[in-house]
C-alpha atoms as a PDB file:
ATOM      1  CA  MET A   1     -48.217  22.237 -51.388  1.00  0.00           C
ATOM      2  CA  SER A   2     -47.078  21.004 -47.868  1.00  0.00           C
ATOM      3  CA  PRO A   3     -48.024  17.316 -46.817  1.00  0.00           C
ATOM      4  CA  VAL A   4     -51.175  16.962 -44.579  1.00  0.00           C
ATOM      5  CA  SER A   5     -50.583  18.367 -40.838  1.00  0.00           C
ATOM      6  CA  PRO A   6     -49.904  15.309 -38.315  1.00  0.00           C
ATOM      7  CA  THR A   7     -51.782  17.440 -35.539  1.00  0.00           C
ATOM      8  CA  SER A   8     -55.358  18.433 -38.197  1.00  0.00           C
ATOM      9  CA  ARG A   9     -58.023  15.593 -37.997  1.00  0.00           C
ATOM     10  CA  ASP A  10     -60.225  15.569 -41.309  1.00  0.00           C
ATOM     11  CA  PRO A  11     -63.412  14.023 -40.073  1.00  0.00           C
ATOM     12  CA  TRP A  12     -63.853  12.475 -43.628  1.00  0.00           C
ATOM     13  CA  LEU A  13     -60.716  10.366 -43.157  1.00  0.00           C
ATOM     14  CA  ASP A  14     -61.691   9.383 -40.350  1.00  0.00           C
ATOM     15  CA  ASN A  15     -65.293   8.208 -42.008  1.00  0.00           C
ATOM     16  CA  VAL A  16     -63.121   6.496 -44.642  1.00  0.00           C
ATOM     17  CA  LYS A  17     -60.722   4.585 -42.387  1.00  0.00           C
ATOM     18  CA  MET A  18     -64.082   3.541 -40.160  1.00  0.00           C
ATOM     19  CA  VAL A  19     -65.754   2.515 -43.705  1.00  0.00           C
ATOM     20  CA  LEU A  20     -62.643   0.913 -44.625  1.00  0.00           C
ATOM     21  CA  VAL A  21     -61.749  -1.126 -42.043  1.00  0.00           C
ATOM     22  CA  THR A  22     -65.399  -2.412 -41.728  1.00  0.00           C
ATOM     23  CA  PHE A  23     -65.148  -3.901 -45.001  1.00  0.00           C
ATOM     24  CA  VAL A  24     -61.600  -5.545 -44.102  1.00  0.00           C
ATOM     25  CA  VAL A  25     -63.950  -7.021 -41.232  1.00  0.00           C
ATOM     26  CA  ILE A  26     -66.566  -8.389 -43.966  1.00  0.00           C
ATOM     27  CA  GLY A  27     -63.610  -9.651 -46.463  1.00  0.00           C
ATOM     28  CA  HIS A  28     -61.770 -11.842 -43.680  1.00  0.00           C
ATOM     29  CA  SER A  29     -65.523 -13.076 -42.413  1.00  0.00           C
ATOM     30  CA  ILE A  30     -66.363 -14.001 -45.487  1.00  0.00           C
ATOM     31  CA  GLY A  31     -63.189 -16.777 -45.167  1.00  0.00           C
ATOM     32  CA  ILE A  32     -65.272 -18.732 -42.981  1.00  0.00           C
ATOM     33  CA  VAL A  33     -68.466 -18.948 -44.937  1.00  0.00           C
ATOM     34  CA  GLU A  34     -66.916 -19.793 -48.482  1.00  0.00           C
ATOM     35  CA  ASP A  35     -69.580 -22.334 -49.002  1.00  0.00           C
ATOM     36  CA  THR A  36     -72.308 -19.719 -48.826  1.00  0.00           C
ATOM     37  CA  MET A  37     -74.573 -18.189 -51.399  1.00  0.00           C
ATOM     38  CA  GLY A  38     -72.643 -15.437 -53.280  1.00  0.00           C
ATOM     39  CA  SER A  39     -69.598 -15.300 -51.229  1.00  0.00           C
ATOM     40  CA  HIS A  40     -67.177 -15.658 -54.048  1.00  0.00           C
ATOM     41  CA  TRP A  41     -68.215 -13.068 -56.184  1.00  0.00           C
ATOM     42  CA  VAL A  42     -68.989 -10.376 -53.055  1.00  0.00           C
ATOM     43  CA  TYR A  43     -65.332 -11.450 -51.883  1.00  0.00           C
ATOM     44  CA  ASP A  44     -63.813 -10.911 -55.299  1.00  0.00           C
ATOM     45  CA  PHE A  45     -65.620  -7.681 -55.594  1.00  0.00           C
ATOM     46  CA  LEU A  46     -64.070  -6.355 -52.401  1.00  0.00           C
ATOM     47  CA  TYR A  47     -60.671  -7.192 -52.549  1.00  0.00           C
ATOM     48  CA  LEU A  48     -60.727  -5.785 -56.157  1.00  0.00           C
ATOM     49  CA  TRP A  49     -60.511  -2.534 -54.687  1.00  0.00           C
ATOM     50  CA  HIS A  50     -60.659  -2.320 -50.461  1.00  0.00           C
ATOM     51  CA  ILE A  51     -56.849  -2.828 -50.407  1.00  0.00           C
ATOM     52  CA  PRO A  52     -55.868  -0.595 -52.560  1.00  0.00           C
ATOM     53  CA  ALA A  53     -58.190   2.021 -50.969  1.00  0.00           C
ATOM     54  CA  PHE A  54     -57.012   0.937 -47.870  1.00  0.00           C
ATOM     55  CA  VAL A  55     -52.926   1.863 -49.057  1.00  0.00           C
ATOM     56  CA  ILE A  56     -53.836   4.845 -50.407  1.00  0.00           C
ATOM     57  CA  VAL A  57     -55.361   6.645 -47.551  1.00  0.00           C
ATOM     58  CA  SER A  58     -52.350   5.171 -45.216  1.00  0.00           C
ATOM     59  CA  GLY A  59     -50.005   6.421 -47.855  1.00  0.00           C
ATOM     60  CA  TYR A  60     -51.670  10.240 -47.862  1.00  0.00           C
ATOM     61  CA  LEU A  61     -51.009   9.773 -44.058  1.00  0.00           C
ATOM     62  CA  SER A  62     -47.688   8.694 -44.073  1.00  0.00           C
ATOM     63  CA  GLN A  63     -46.856  12.175 -45.872  1.00  0.00           C
ATOM     64  CA  SER A  64     -45.031  14.211 -42.991  1.00  0.00           C
ATOM     65  CA  PHE A  65     -42.565  10.967 -42.032  1.00  0.00           C
ATOM     66  CA  VAL A  66     -38.605  11.472 -41.985  1.00  0.00           C
ATOM     67  CA  TRP A  67     -36.164  10.011 -40.715  1.00  0.00           C
ATOM     68  CA  ASP A  68     -35.862  11.447 -37.065  1.00  0.00           C
ATOM     69  CA  ARG A  69     -36.280  10.454 -34.065  1.00  0.00           C
ATOM     70  CA  ARG A  70     -39.681  11.514 -33.200  1.00  0.00           C
ATOM     71  CA  HIS A  71     -41.019   9.605 -36.402  1.00  0.00           C
ATOM     72  CA  PHE A  72     -38.585   6.038 -35.351  1.00  0.00           C
ATOM     73  CA  LYS A  73     -40.102   6.377 -32.176  1.00  0.00           C
ATOM     74  CA  GLY A  74     -43.520   6.787 -33.575  1.00  0.00           C
ATOM     75  CA  LEU A  75     -42.997   4.232 -36.107  1.00  0.00           C
ATOM     76  CA  LEU A  76     -41.661   1.530 -33.005  1.00  0.00           C
ATOM     77  CA  PHE A  77     -44.782   2.276 -30.625  1.00  0.00           C
ATOM     78  CA  THR A  78     -47.658   2.296 -33.190  1.00  0.00           C
ATOM     79  CA  ILE A  79     -46.195  -0.505 -36.097  1.00  0.00           C
ATOM     80  CA  ALA A  80     -43.557  -2.196 -34.963  1.00  0.00           C
ATOM     81  CA  VAL A  81     -44.337  -3.392 -31.422  1.00  0.00           C
ATOM     82  CA  PRO A  82     -47.632  -4.491 -32.190  1.00  0.00           C
ATOM     83  CA  TYR A  83     -46.625  -6.775 -34.758  1.00  0.00           C
ATOM     84  CA  LEU A  84     -43.639  -8.006 -32.590  1.00  0.00           C
ATOM     85  CA  ILE A  85     -46.744  -8.538 -30.441  1.00  0.00           C
ATOM     86  CA  PHE A  86     -49.841  -9.385 -32.914  1.00  0.00           C
ATOM     87  CA  GLU A  87     -48.385 -11.760 -34.982  1.00  0.00           C
ATOM     88  CA  PRO A  88     -47.208 -14.636 -32.478  1.00  0.00           C
ATOM     89  CA  ALA A  89     -50.572 -14.259 -30.678  1.00  0.00           C
ATOM     90  CA  LEU A  90     -53.017 -14.599 -33.262  1.00  0.00           C
ATOM     91  CA  TYR A  91     -51.196 -17.574 -35.014  1.00  0.00           C
ATOM     92  CA  TYR A  92     -51.261 -19.087 -31.776  1.00  0.00           C
ATOM     93  CA  TYR A  93     -54.469 -18.867 -31.252  1.00  0.00           C
ATOM     94  CA  ARG A  94     -55.357 -19.981 -34.408  1.00  0.00           C
ATOM     95  CA  VAL A  95     -53.225 -23.240 -34.010  1.00  0.00           C
ATOM     96  CA  LEU A  96     -53.839 -23.633 -30.258  1.00  0.00           C
ATOM     97  CA  VAL A  97     -57.947 -22.947 -29.787  1.00  0.00           C
ATOM     98  CA  VAL A  98     -58.797 -23.337 -33.951  1.00  0.00           C
ATOM     99  CA  GLY A  99     -56.801 -25.737 -34.946  1.00  0.00           C
ATOM    100  CA  GLU A 100     -55.464 -24.404 -37.606  1.00  0.00           C
ATOM    101  CA  THR A 101     -52.284 -24.843 -39.120  1.00  0.00           C
ATOM    102  CA  GLU A 102     -50.403 -22.539 -41.213  1.00  0.00           C
ATOM    103  CA  PRO A 103     -46.402 -22.678 -42.757  1.00  0.00           C
ATOM    104  CA  GLY A 104     -44.042 -19.796 -42.224  1.00  0.00           C
ATOM    105  CA  LEU A 105     -41.475 -18.171 -39.782  1.00  0.00           C
ATOM    106  CA  LEU A 106     -42.671 -16.105 -37.292  1.00  0.00           C
ATOM    107  CA  TRP A 107     -42.351 -12.449 -37.883  1.00  0.00           C
ATOM    108  CA  LEU A 108     -40.500 -13.394 -40.833  1.00  0.00           C
ATOM    109  CA  GLU A 109     -43.472 -14.609 -42.984  1.00  0.00           C
ATOM    110  CA  PRO A 110     -46.048 -12.762 -41.954  1.00  0.00           C
ATOM    111  CA  HIS A 111     -49.525 -14.902 -41.108  1.00  0.00           C
ATOM    112  CA  TRP A 112     -52.686 -13.719 -42.333  1.00  0.00           C
ATOM    113  CA  THR A 113     -53.978 -10.253 -41.354  1.00  0.00           C
ATOM    114  CA  MET A 114     -50.523  -9.419 -39.768  1.00  0.00           C
ATOM    115  CA  TRP A 115     -49.241  -9.134 -43.099  1.00  0.00           C
ATOM    116  CA  TYR A 116     -50.069  -5.548 -43.516  1.00  0.00           C
ATOM    117  CA  LEU A 117     -48.013  -4.176 -40.454  1.00  0.00           C
ATOM    118  CA  ILE A 118     -44.783  -4.924 -41.438  1.00  0.00           C
ATOM    119  CA  VAL A 119     -45.398  -3.571 -45.113  1.00  0.00           C
ATOM    120  CA  LEU A 120     -46.653  -0.641 -44.148  1.00  0.00           C
ATOM    121  CA  LEU A 121     -43.552  -0.110 -41.835  1.00  0.00           C
ATOM    122  CA  MET A 122     -41.482  -0.839 -44.955  1.00  0.00           C
ATOM    123  CA  TRP A 123     -43.163   1.641 -47.082  1.00  0.00           C
ATOM    124  CA  ARG A 124     -43.067   4.336 -44.312  1.00  0.00           C
ATOM    125  CA  LEU A 125     -39.404   3.909 -43.618  1.00  0.00           C
ATOM    126  CA  VAL A 126     -38.682   4.329 -47.767  1.00  0.00           C
ATOM    127  CA  THR A 127     -41.338   7.320 -47.397  1.00  0.00           C
ATOM    128  CA  PRO A 128     -38.817   9.940 -47.765  1.00  0.00           C
ATOM    129  CA  ILE A 129     -36.752   8.553 -50.428  1.00  0.00           C
ATOM    130  CA  LEU A 130     -40.306   7.965 -52.551  1.00  0.00           C
ATOM    131  CA  THR A 131     -41.094  11.450 -51.977  1.00  0.00           C
ATOM    132  CA  LYS A 132     -38.057  13.137 -53.694  1.00  0.00           C
ATOM    133  CA  HIS A 133     -39.715  13.150 -56.855  1.00  0.00           C
ATOM    134  CA  TRP A 134     -43.175  12.339 -58.173  1.00  0.00           C
ATOM    135  CA  LEU A 135     -41.372  10.189 -61.013  1.00  0.00           C
ATOM    136  CA  PHE A 136     -41.476   7.610 -58.618  1.00  0.00           C
ATOM    137  CA  LEU A 137     -44.956   7.160 -59.049  1.00  0.00           C
ATOM    138  CA  PRO A 138     -44.872   5.609 -62.496  1.00  0.00           C
ATOM    139  CA  GLY A 139     -41.827   3.593 -61.574  1.00  0.00           C
ATOM    140  CA  SER A 140     -43.606   2.266 -58.730  1.00  0.00           C
ATOM    141  CA  VAL A 141     -46.061   1.135 -61.117  1.00  0.00           C
ATOM    142  CA  VAL A 142     -43.115  -0.870 -63.355  1.00  0.00           C
ATOM    143  CA  VAL A 143     -41.907  -2.320 -59.512  1.00  0.00           C
ATOM    144  CA  SER A 144     -45.369  -3.576 -58.789  1.00  0.00           C
ATOM    145  CA  LEU A 145     -45.408  -5.317 -61.987  1.00  0.00           C
ATOM    146  CA  ALA A 146     -41.835  -6.823 -61.623  1.00  0.00           C
ATOM    147  CA  GLY A 147     -42.792  -7.550 -58.182  1.00  0.00           C
ATOM    148  CA  GLY A 148     -45.096 -10.574 -59.601  1.00  0.00           C
ATOM    149  CA  LEU A 149     -42.237 -12.071 -59.886  1.00  0.00           C
ATOM    150  CA  TRP A 150     -41.025 -12.454 -56.657  1.00  0.00           C
ATOM    151  CA  SER A 151     -42.476 -15.258 -55.098  1.00  0.00           C
ATOM    152  CA  SER A 152     -41.197 -15.808 -51.632  1.00  0.00           C
ATOM    153  CA  ASP A 153     -43.446 -14.479 -48.710  1.00  0.00           C
ATOM    154  CA  LEU A 154     -40.196 -13.610 -46.561  1.00  0.00           C
ATOM    155  CA  LEU A 155     -41.546 -10.275 -45.333  1.00  0.00           C
ATOM    156  CA  MET A 156     -44.471 -10.049 -47.756  1.00  0.00           C
ATOM    157  CA  ILE A 157     -42.227  -8.311 -50.231  1.00  0.00           C
ATOM    158  CA  PRO A 158     -44.987  -9.323 -52.844  1.00  0.00           C
ATOM    159  CA  ARG A 159     -47.323  -6.863 -51.182  1.00  0.00           C
ATOM    160  CA  PHE A 160     -44.444  -4.886 -50.547  1.00  0.00           C
ATOM    161  CA  LEU A 161     -43.889  -4.093 -54.210  1.00  0.00           C
ATOM    162  CA  GLY A 162     -47.199  -4.818 -55.709  1.00  0.00           C
ATOM    163  CA  LEU A 163     -48.907  -2.229 -53.981  1.00  0.00           C
ATOM    164  CA  MET A 164     -46.516   0.230 -53.799  1.00  0.00           C
ATOM    165  CA  PRO A 165     -48.597   2.201 -56.607  1.00  0.00           C
ATOM    166  CA  PHE A 166     -51.110   2.765 -54.504  1.00  0.00           C
ATOM    167  CA  PHE A 167     -48.932   4.054 -51.362  1.00  0.00           C
ATOM    168  CA  VAL A 168     -46.289   6.362 -53.626  1.00  0.00           C
ATOM    169  CA  LEU A 169     -49.981   7.686 -55.129  1.00  0.00           C
ATOM    170  CA  GLY A 170     -51.156   8.388 -51.374  1.00  0.00           C
ATOM    171  CA  LEU A 171     -48.060   9.910 -50.750  1.00  0.00           C
ATOM    172  CA  TYR A 172     -48.446  12.424 -53.501  1.00  0.00           C
ATOM    173  CA  LEU A 173     -52.491  13.511 -53.064  1.00  0.00           C
ATOM    174  CA  ARG A 174     -53.154  16.647 -51.783  1.00  0.00           C
ATOM    175  CA  PRO A 175     -56.597  17.839 -50.135  1.00  0.00           C
ATOM    176  CA  HIS A 176     -57.479  19.621 -53.311  1.00  0.00           C
ATOM    177  CA  HIS A 177     -56.800  16.417 -55.405  1.00  0.00           C
ATOM    178  CA  LEU A 178     -59.255  14.217 -52.904  1.00  0.00           C
ATOM    179  CA  HIS A 179     -61.813  17.421 -52.610  1.00  0.00           C
ATOM    180  CA  ARG A 180     -62.479  16.610 -56.351  1.00  0.00           C
ATOM    181  CA  LEU A 181     -64.411  13.383 -55.323  1.00  0.00           C
ATOM    182  CA  ASP A 182     -67.070  15.935 -53.746  1.00  0.00           C
ATOM    183  CA  ASP A 183     -67.794  17.087 -57.003  1.00  0.00           C
ATOM    184  CA  VAL A 184     -71.703  15.597 -58.775  1.00  0.00           C
ATOM    185  CA  TRP A 185     -70.235  14.301 -61.740  1.00  0.00           C
ATOM    186  CA  VAL A 186     -67.803  12.116 -60.014  1.00  0.00           C
ATOM    187  CA  ARG A 187     -70.127  10.710 -57.698  1.00  0.00           C
ATOM    188  CA  VAL A 188     -72.778   9.840 -60.445  1.00  0.00           C
ATOM    189  CA  ALA A 189     -69.608   8.014 -62.181  1.00  0.00           C
ATOM    190  CA  SER A 190     -68.515   6.520 -58.905  1.00  0.00           C
ATOM    191  CA  VAL A 191     -71.962   4.760 -58.679  1.00  0.00           C
ATOM    192  CA  GLY A 192     -71.395   3.474 -62.336  1.00  0.00           C
ATOM    193  CA  ALA A 193     -68.045   2.204 -61.473  1.00  0.00           C
ATOM    194  CA  LEU A 194     -68.579   0.143 -58.650  1.00  0.00           C
ATOM    195  CA  ALA A 195     -71.599  -1.536 -60.437  1.00  0.00           C
ATOM    196  CA  GLY A 196     -69.639  -2.337 -63.463  1.00  0.00           C
ATOM    197  CA  ILE A 197     -66.988  -3.403 -61.096  1.00  0.00           C
ATOM    198  CA  PHE A 198     -69.285  -5.564 -59.456  1.00  0.00           C
ATOM    199  CA  VAL A 199     -70.565  -7.228 -62.710  1.00  0.00           C
ATOM    200  CA  MET A 200     -66.720  -8.189 -63.632  1.00  0.00           C
ATOM    201  CA  ALA A 201     -66.215  -9.302 -60.142  1.00  0.00           C
ATOM    202  CA  LEU A 202     -68.779 -12.271 -61.001  1.00  0.00           C
ATOM    203  CA  TYR A 203     -66.591 -13.143 -63.877  1.00  0.00           C
ATOM    204  CA  THR A 204     -63.214 -12.832 -61.633  1.00  0.00           C
ATOM    205  CA  ASP A 205     -61.906 -16.927 -63.018  1.00  0.00           C
ATOM    206  CA  ALA A 206     -62.443 -16.142 -66.464  1.00  0.00           C
ATOM    207  CA  TRP A 207     -60.255 -12.924 -66.684  1.00  0.00           C
ATOM    208  CA  ALA A 208     -58.013 -13.213 -64.321  1.00  0.00           C
ATOM    209  CA  GLN A 209     -57.660 -15.537 -60.719  1.00  0.00           C
ATOM    210  CA  THR A 210     -58.647 -14.756 -57.144  1.00  0.00           C
ATOM    211  CA  ALA A 211     -55.575 -15.304 -55.621  1.00  0.00           C
ATOM    212  CA  LEU A 212     -54.295 -12.002 -57.616  1.00  0.00           C
ATOM    213  CA  LEU A 213     -56.295  -9.453 -55.961  1.00  0.00           C
ATOM    214  CA  TRP A 214     -54.205 -10.045 -52.733  1.00  0.00           C
ATOM    215  CA  TYR A 215     -50.830  -9.285 -54.531  1.00  0.00           C
ATOM    216  CA  ASP A 216     -49.276 -11.890 -52.683  1.00  0.00           C
ATOM    217  CA  ALA A 217     -48.218 -14.291 -54.863  1.00  0.00           C
ATOM    218  CA  GLY A 218     -45.579 -14.798 -58.200  1.00  0.00           C
ATOM    219  CA  TYR A 219     -46.377 -15.161 -61.381  1.00  0.00           C
ATOM    220  CA  ASP A 220     -45.813 -18.471 -62.191  1.00  0.00           C
ATOM    221  CA  GLU A 221     -48.585 -19.557 -59.174  1.00  0.00           C
ATOM    222  CA  PHE A 222     -50.847 -19.064 -61.921  1.00  0.00           C
ATOM    223  CA  ALA A 223     -52.115 -20.467 -64.977  1.00  0.00           C
ATOM    224  CA  ILE A 224     -51.993 -17.270 -66.874  1.00  0.00           C
ATOM    225  CA  ASP A 225     -50.166 -16.742 -70.366  1.00  0.00           C
ATOM    226  CA  ASN A 226     -46.855 -14.955 -69.654  1.00  0.00           C
ATOM    227  CA  GLU A 227     -47.862 -13.289 -72.267  1.00  0.00           C
ATOM    228  CA  ILE A 228     -50.658 -11.432 -70.425  1.00  0.00           C
ATOM    229  CA  VAL A 229     -49.838 -11.221 -66.888  1.00  0.00           C
ATOM    230  CA  PHE A 230     -48.479  -8.194 -66.968  1.00  0.00           C
ATOM    231  CA  GLN A 231     -51.773  -6.856 -68.462  1.00  0.00           C
ATOM    232  CA  THR A 232     -53.595  -8.683 -65.862  1.00  0.00           C
ATOM    233  CA  ARG A 233     -52.081  -7.089 -63.171  1.00  0.00           C
ATOM    234  CA  LEU A 234     -52.248  -3.739 -64.567  1.00  0.00           C
ATOM    235  CA  THR A 235     -56.101  -4.141 -65.086  1.00  0.00           C
ATOM    236  CA  ILE A 236     -56.555  -5.139 -61.390  1.00  0.00           C
ATOM    237  CA  MET A 237     -54.642  -2.226 -60.589  1.00  0.00           C
ATOM    238  CA  MET A 238     -56.108   0.027 -62.616  1.00  0.00           C
ATOM    239  CA  LEU A 239     -59.891  -1.391 -61.135  1.00  0.00           C
ATOM    240  CA  GLY A 240     -58.575  -1.167 -57.857  1.00  0.00           C
ATOM    241  CA  LEU A 241     -58.183   2.211 -58.339  1.00  0.00           C
ATOM    242  CA  ILE A 242     -61.287   3.443 -59.922  1.00  0.00           C
ATOM    243  CA  GLY A 243     -63.026   1.417 -56.821  1.00  0.00           C
ATOM    244  CA  ALA A 244     -61.117   3.066 -54.470  1.00  0.00           C
ATOM    245  CA  PHE A 245     -61.793   6.485 -54.977  1.00  0.00           C
ATOM    246  CA  ALA A 246     -65.365   5.503 -56.587  1.00  0.00           C
ATOM    247  CA  VAL A 247     -65.746   4.150 -52.553  1.00  0.00           C
ATOM    248  CA  MET A 248     -64.132   7.322 -51.326  1.00  0.00           C
ATOM    249  CA  SER A 249     -66.200   9.740 -53.190  1.00  0.00           C
ATOM    250  CA  LEU A 250     -69.259   8.405 -51.452  1.00  0.00           C
ATOM    251  CA  VAL A 251     -68.611   8.849 -47.940  1.00  0.00           C
ATOM    252  CA  PRO A 252     -69.900  11.839 -46.740  1.00  0.00           C
ATOM    253  CA  ARG A 253     -67.085  14.744 -45.746  1.00  0.00           C
ATOM    254  CA  ARG A 254     -69.469  16.294 -42.591  1.00  0.00           C
ATOM    255  CA  SER A 255     -68.462  14.341 -39.123  1.00  0.00           C
ATOM    256  CA  LEU A 256     -71.504  11.738 -37.876  1.00  0.00           C
ATOM    257  CA  GLY A 257     -70.535  11.898 -34.694  1.00  0.00           C
ATOM    258  CA  TRP A 258     -69.973   8.575 -33.071  1.00  0.00           C
ATOM    259  CA  PHE A 259     -68.985   6.821 -36.325  1.00  0.00           C
ATOM    260  CA  THR A 260     -66.554   9.668 -37.143  1.00  0.00           C
ATOM    261  CA  THR A 261     -65.046   8.624 -33.668  1.00  0.00           C
ATOM    262  CA  MET A 262     -64.893   5.137 -34.141  1.00  0.00           C
ATOM    263  CA  GLY A 263     -62.226   5.966 -37.095  1.00  0.00           C
ATOM    264  CA  THR A 264     -59.906   7.235 -34.787  1.00  0.00           C
ATOM    265  CA  ALA A 265     -60.199   3.522 -33.189  1.00  0.00           C
ATOM    266  CA  THR A 266     -59.025   1.681 -36.829  1.00  0.00           C
ATOM    267  CA  MET A 267     -55.782  -0.117 -35.151  1.00  0.00           C
ATOM    268  CA  VAL A 268     -58.058  -1.531 -32.752  1.00  0.00           C
ATOM    269  CA  VAL A 269     -60.307  -3.312 -35.051  1.00  0.00           C
ATOM    270  CA  TYR A 270     -57.478  -4.382 -36.982  1.00  0.00           C
ATOM    271  CA  LEU A 271     -55.427  -5.916 -34.440  1.00  0.00           C
ATOM    272  CA  PHE A 272     -58.609  -7.961 -32.953  1.00  0.00           C
ATOM    273  CA  HIS A 273     -60.500  -8.680 -35.621  1.00  0.00           C
ATOM    274  CA  GLY A 274     -59.441 -11.947 -36.209  1.00  0.00           C
ATOM    275  CA  PHE A 275     -59.270 -13.080 -32.895  1.00  0.00           C
ATOM    276  CA  VAL A 276     -63.386 -12.728 -32.781  1.00  0.00           C
ATOM    277  CA  ILE A 277     -63.791 -14.628 -36.681  1.00  0.00           C
ATOM    278  CA  LYS A 278     -61.776 -17.388 -35.581  1.00  0.00           C
ATOM    279  CA  THR A 279     -63.412 -17.807 -32.611  1.00  0.00           C
ATOM    280  CA  ALA A 280     -66.438 -17.889 -34.793  1.00  0.00           C
ATOM    281  CA  LYS A 281     -64.978 -20.466 -36.800  1.00  0.00           C
ATOM    282  CA  ALA A 282     -63.762 -22.568 -33.642  1.00  0.00           C
ATOM    283  CA  LEU A 283     -67.880 -22.476 -32.307  1.00  0.00           C
ATOM    284  CA  GLY A 284     -68.979 -24.448 -35.948  1.00  0.00           C
ATOM    285  CA  TRP A 285     -70.249 -21.350 -37.305  1.00  0.00           C
ATOM    286  CA  PRO A 286     -68.935 -22.733 -40.978  1.00  0.00           C
ATOM    287  CA  GLU A 287     -71.027 -25.435 -40.094  1.00  0.00           C
ATOM    288  CA  PHE A 288     -74.466 -23.668 -39.938  1.00  0.00           C
ATOM    289  CA  THR A 289     -74.093 -21.242 -42.733  1.00  0.00           C
ATOM    290  CA  ALA A 290     -73.115 -24.099 -44.747  1.00  0.00           C
ATOM    291  CA  ALA A 291     -77.000 -25.766 -43.851  1.00  0.00           C
ATOM    292  CA  SER A 292     -78.642 -22.214 -44.466  1.00  0.00           C
ATOM    293  CA  PRO A 293     -76.448 -20.626 -46.922  1.00  0.00           C
ATOM    294  CA  ALA A 294     -78.327 -17.511 -47.891  1.00  0.00           C
ATOM    295  CA  VAL A 295     -79.169 -16.976 -44.384  1.00  0.00           C
ATOM    296  CA  GLY A 296     -75.616 -17.858 -43.407  1.00  0.00           C
ATOM    297  CA  PHE A 297     -74.215 -15.218 -45.634  1.00  0.00           C
ATOM    298  CA  VAL A 298     -76.313 -12.428 -44.946  1.00  0.00           C
ATOM    299  CA  VAL A 299     -76.073 -12.864 -41.199  1.00  0.00           C
ATOM    300  CA  THR A 300     -71.986 -13.244 -41.408  1.00  0.00           C
ATOM    301  CA  MET A 301     -71.963  -9.776 -43.376  1.00  0.00           C
ATOM    302  CA  LEU A 302     -73.904  -7.977 -40.474  1.00  0.00           C
ATOM    303  CA  ALA A 303     -72.075  -9.700 -38.060  1.00  0.00           C
ATOM    304  CA  ALA A 304     -68.638  -8.412 -39.323  1.00  0.00           C
ATOM    305  CA  VAL A 305     -70.282  -4.787 -39.465  1.00  0.00           C
ATOM    306  CA  ALA A 306     -71.480  -5.353 -35.399  1.00  0.00           C
ATOM    307  CA  VAL A 307     -68.099  -6.600 -34.618  1.00  0.00           C
ATOM    308  CA  SER A 308     -66.277  -3.585 -36.730  1.00  0.00           C
ATOM    309  CA  LEU A 309     -68.330  -0.934 -34.752  1.00  0.00           C
ATOM    310  CA  VAL A 310     -68.278  -3.066 -31.328  1.00  0.00           C
ATOM    311  CA  LEU A 311     -64.317  -3.096 -31.315  1.00  0.00           C
ATOM    312  CA  ALA A 312     -64.102   0.503 -32.701  1.00  0.00           C
ATOM    313  CA  SER A 313     -66.833   1.738 -29.508  1.00  0.00           C
ATOM    314  CA  PRO A 314     -64.821   4.040 -26.746  1.00  0.00           C
ATOM    315  CA  PRO A 315     -65.463   1.527 -24.020  1.00  0.00           C
ATOM    316  CA  VAL A 316     -63.673  -1.487 -25.765  1.00  0.00           C
ATOM    317  CA  ARG A 317     -61.129   1.033 -27.446  1.00  0.00           C
ATOM    318  CA  ARG A 318     -60.164   2.098 -24.093  1.00  0.00           C
ATOM    319  CA  VAL A 319     -60.248  -1.454 -22.407  1.00  0.00           C
ATOM    320  CA  LEU A 320     -58.011  -2.454 -25.781  1.00  0.00           C
ATOM    321  CA  ALA A 321     -55.519   0.498 -25.757  1.00  0.00           C
ATOM    322  CA  PRO A 322     -52.705  -0.740 -23.579  1.00  0.00           C
ATOM    323  CA  ALA A 323     -52.222  -3.732 -26.053  1.00  0.00           C
ATOM    324  CA  ILE A 324     -52.433  -1.702 -28.870  1.00  0.00           C
ATOM    325  CA  ASN A 325     -49.465   0.229 -27.962  1.00  0.00           C
ATOM    326  CA  PRO A 326     -48.321  -1.039 -25.289  1.00  0.00           C
ATOM    327  CA  LEU A 327     -45.363   1.629 -24.955  1.00  0.00           C
ATOM    328  CA  GLY A 328     -47.455   4.469 -25.681  1.00  0.00           C
ATOM    329  CA  TRP A 329     -49.662   3.653 -22.646  1.00  0.00           C
ATOM    330  CA  TRP A 330     -46.850   3.302 -20.322  1.00  0.00           C
ATOM    331  CA  GLU A 331     -45.346   6.353 -20.703  1.00  0.00           C
ATOM    332  CA  ALA A 332     -48.136   8.739 -20.846  1.00  0.00           C
ATOM    333  CA  ARG A 333     -49.112   6.675 -17.350  1.00  0.00           C
ATOM    334  CA  ARG A 334     -45.726   7.403 -16.222  1.00  0.00           C
ATOM    335  CA  ARG A 335     -46.042  10.895 -17.074  1.00  0.00           C
ATOM    336  CA  ARG A 336     -49.656  11.599 -15.481  1.00  0.00           C
ATOM    337  CA  ALA A 337     -47.595  10.087 -12.107  1.00  0.00           C
ATOM    338  CA  GLU A 338     -44.605  12.592 -12.764  1.00  0.00           C
ATOM    339  CA  ALA A 339     -46.564  15.740 -13.728  1.00  0.00           C
ATOM    340  CA  PRO A 340     -48.083  16.504  -9.589  1.00  0.00           C
ATOM    341  CA  ARG A 341     -43.986  16.252  -8.767  1.00  0.00           C
ATOM    342  CA  THR A 342     -42.904  18.626 -11.524  1.00  0.00           C
ATOM    343  CA  ALA A 343     -45.596  20.611 -11.341  1.00  0.00           C
END
């Protein structure tokens, strides 16, 4: 089977991307309302599967990457440059406006949400190697287990290694594999699977720890016996895999109009939602939610969905497009300016 064509658009994939990036915004929003009712439970539930799901989709969309000038240029324009711009922009916004402090060297030790860009860039660079043989798929599981022995935040290597099985799985998925998610029995089982994961999330601290769901820390940072720490990582990976496919199976295949169109603007949502969340924190939103826990939690979740939809809306994305891909925007503008002279 040939890799996914980069020129074809699948409305289901755009739907999935929009759903997942909305859950990203929800997950990060919960971080500023930790004292609200049920926040830890919902947070653990989301983080058990939504990062693995995003990584699987990223792998699936990376199948055509090869080491040539065109793909390196795309990597520079859409991932490397946005990382170089938004890593310091968001960091200094948090420090100067919100009053937060966080250790780590800019660019070399990614801060908060920016980790995904540098890790995705590294995964893309090794994609031509990872697609050479299917044995890299089981091999990536071994790599993930060994990744927990790495404790450094340098280039987020623990996440690069820990989440690699999901990315490699995405590289080897084909459309006919994903179409099996449409089977009725799969969708019915998906509802039961998510219900089971939701219950397990309530007891996360009994069988694991929330920080393990981030794949960004070494085993030595957790109070878990060495004899079962690998088993715990495998359990988390299994739940992530099941939860990811369960959610994707419940996403409609058909075009949903404006919602599907918004799925083409997930990078805008990802890069800018952190500024919105931190602004809410600076304005005292955590204090309000602490005073009204139930209401605060519900309003926060609804606001997170609204933020995702607004950032992905066509008017907003048109305004923000030059910021997320300045080189591509400048190149397109130059071509338009030169077109009359070359006609």
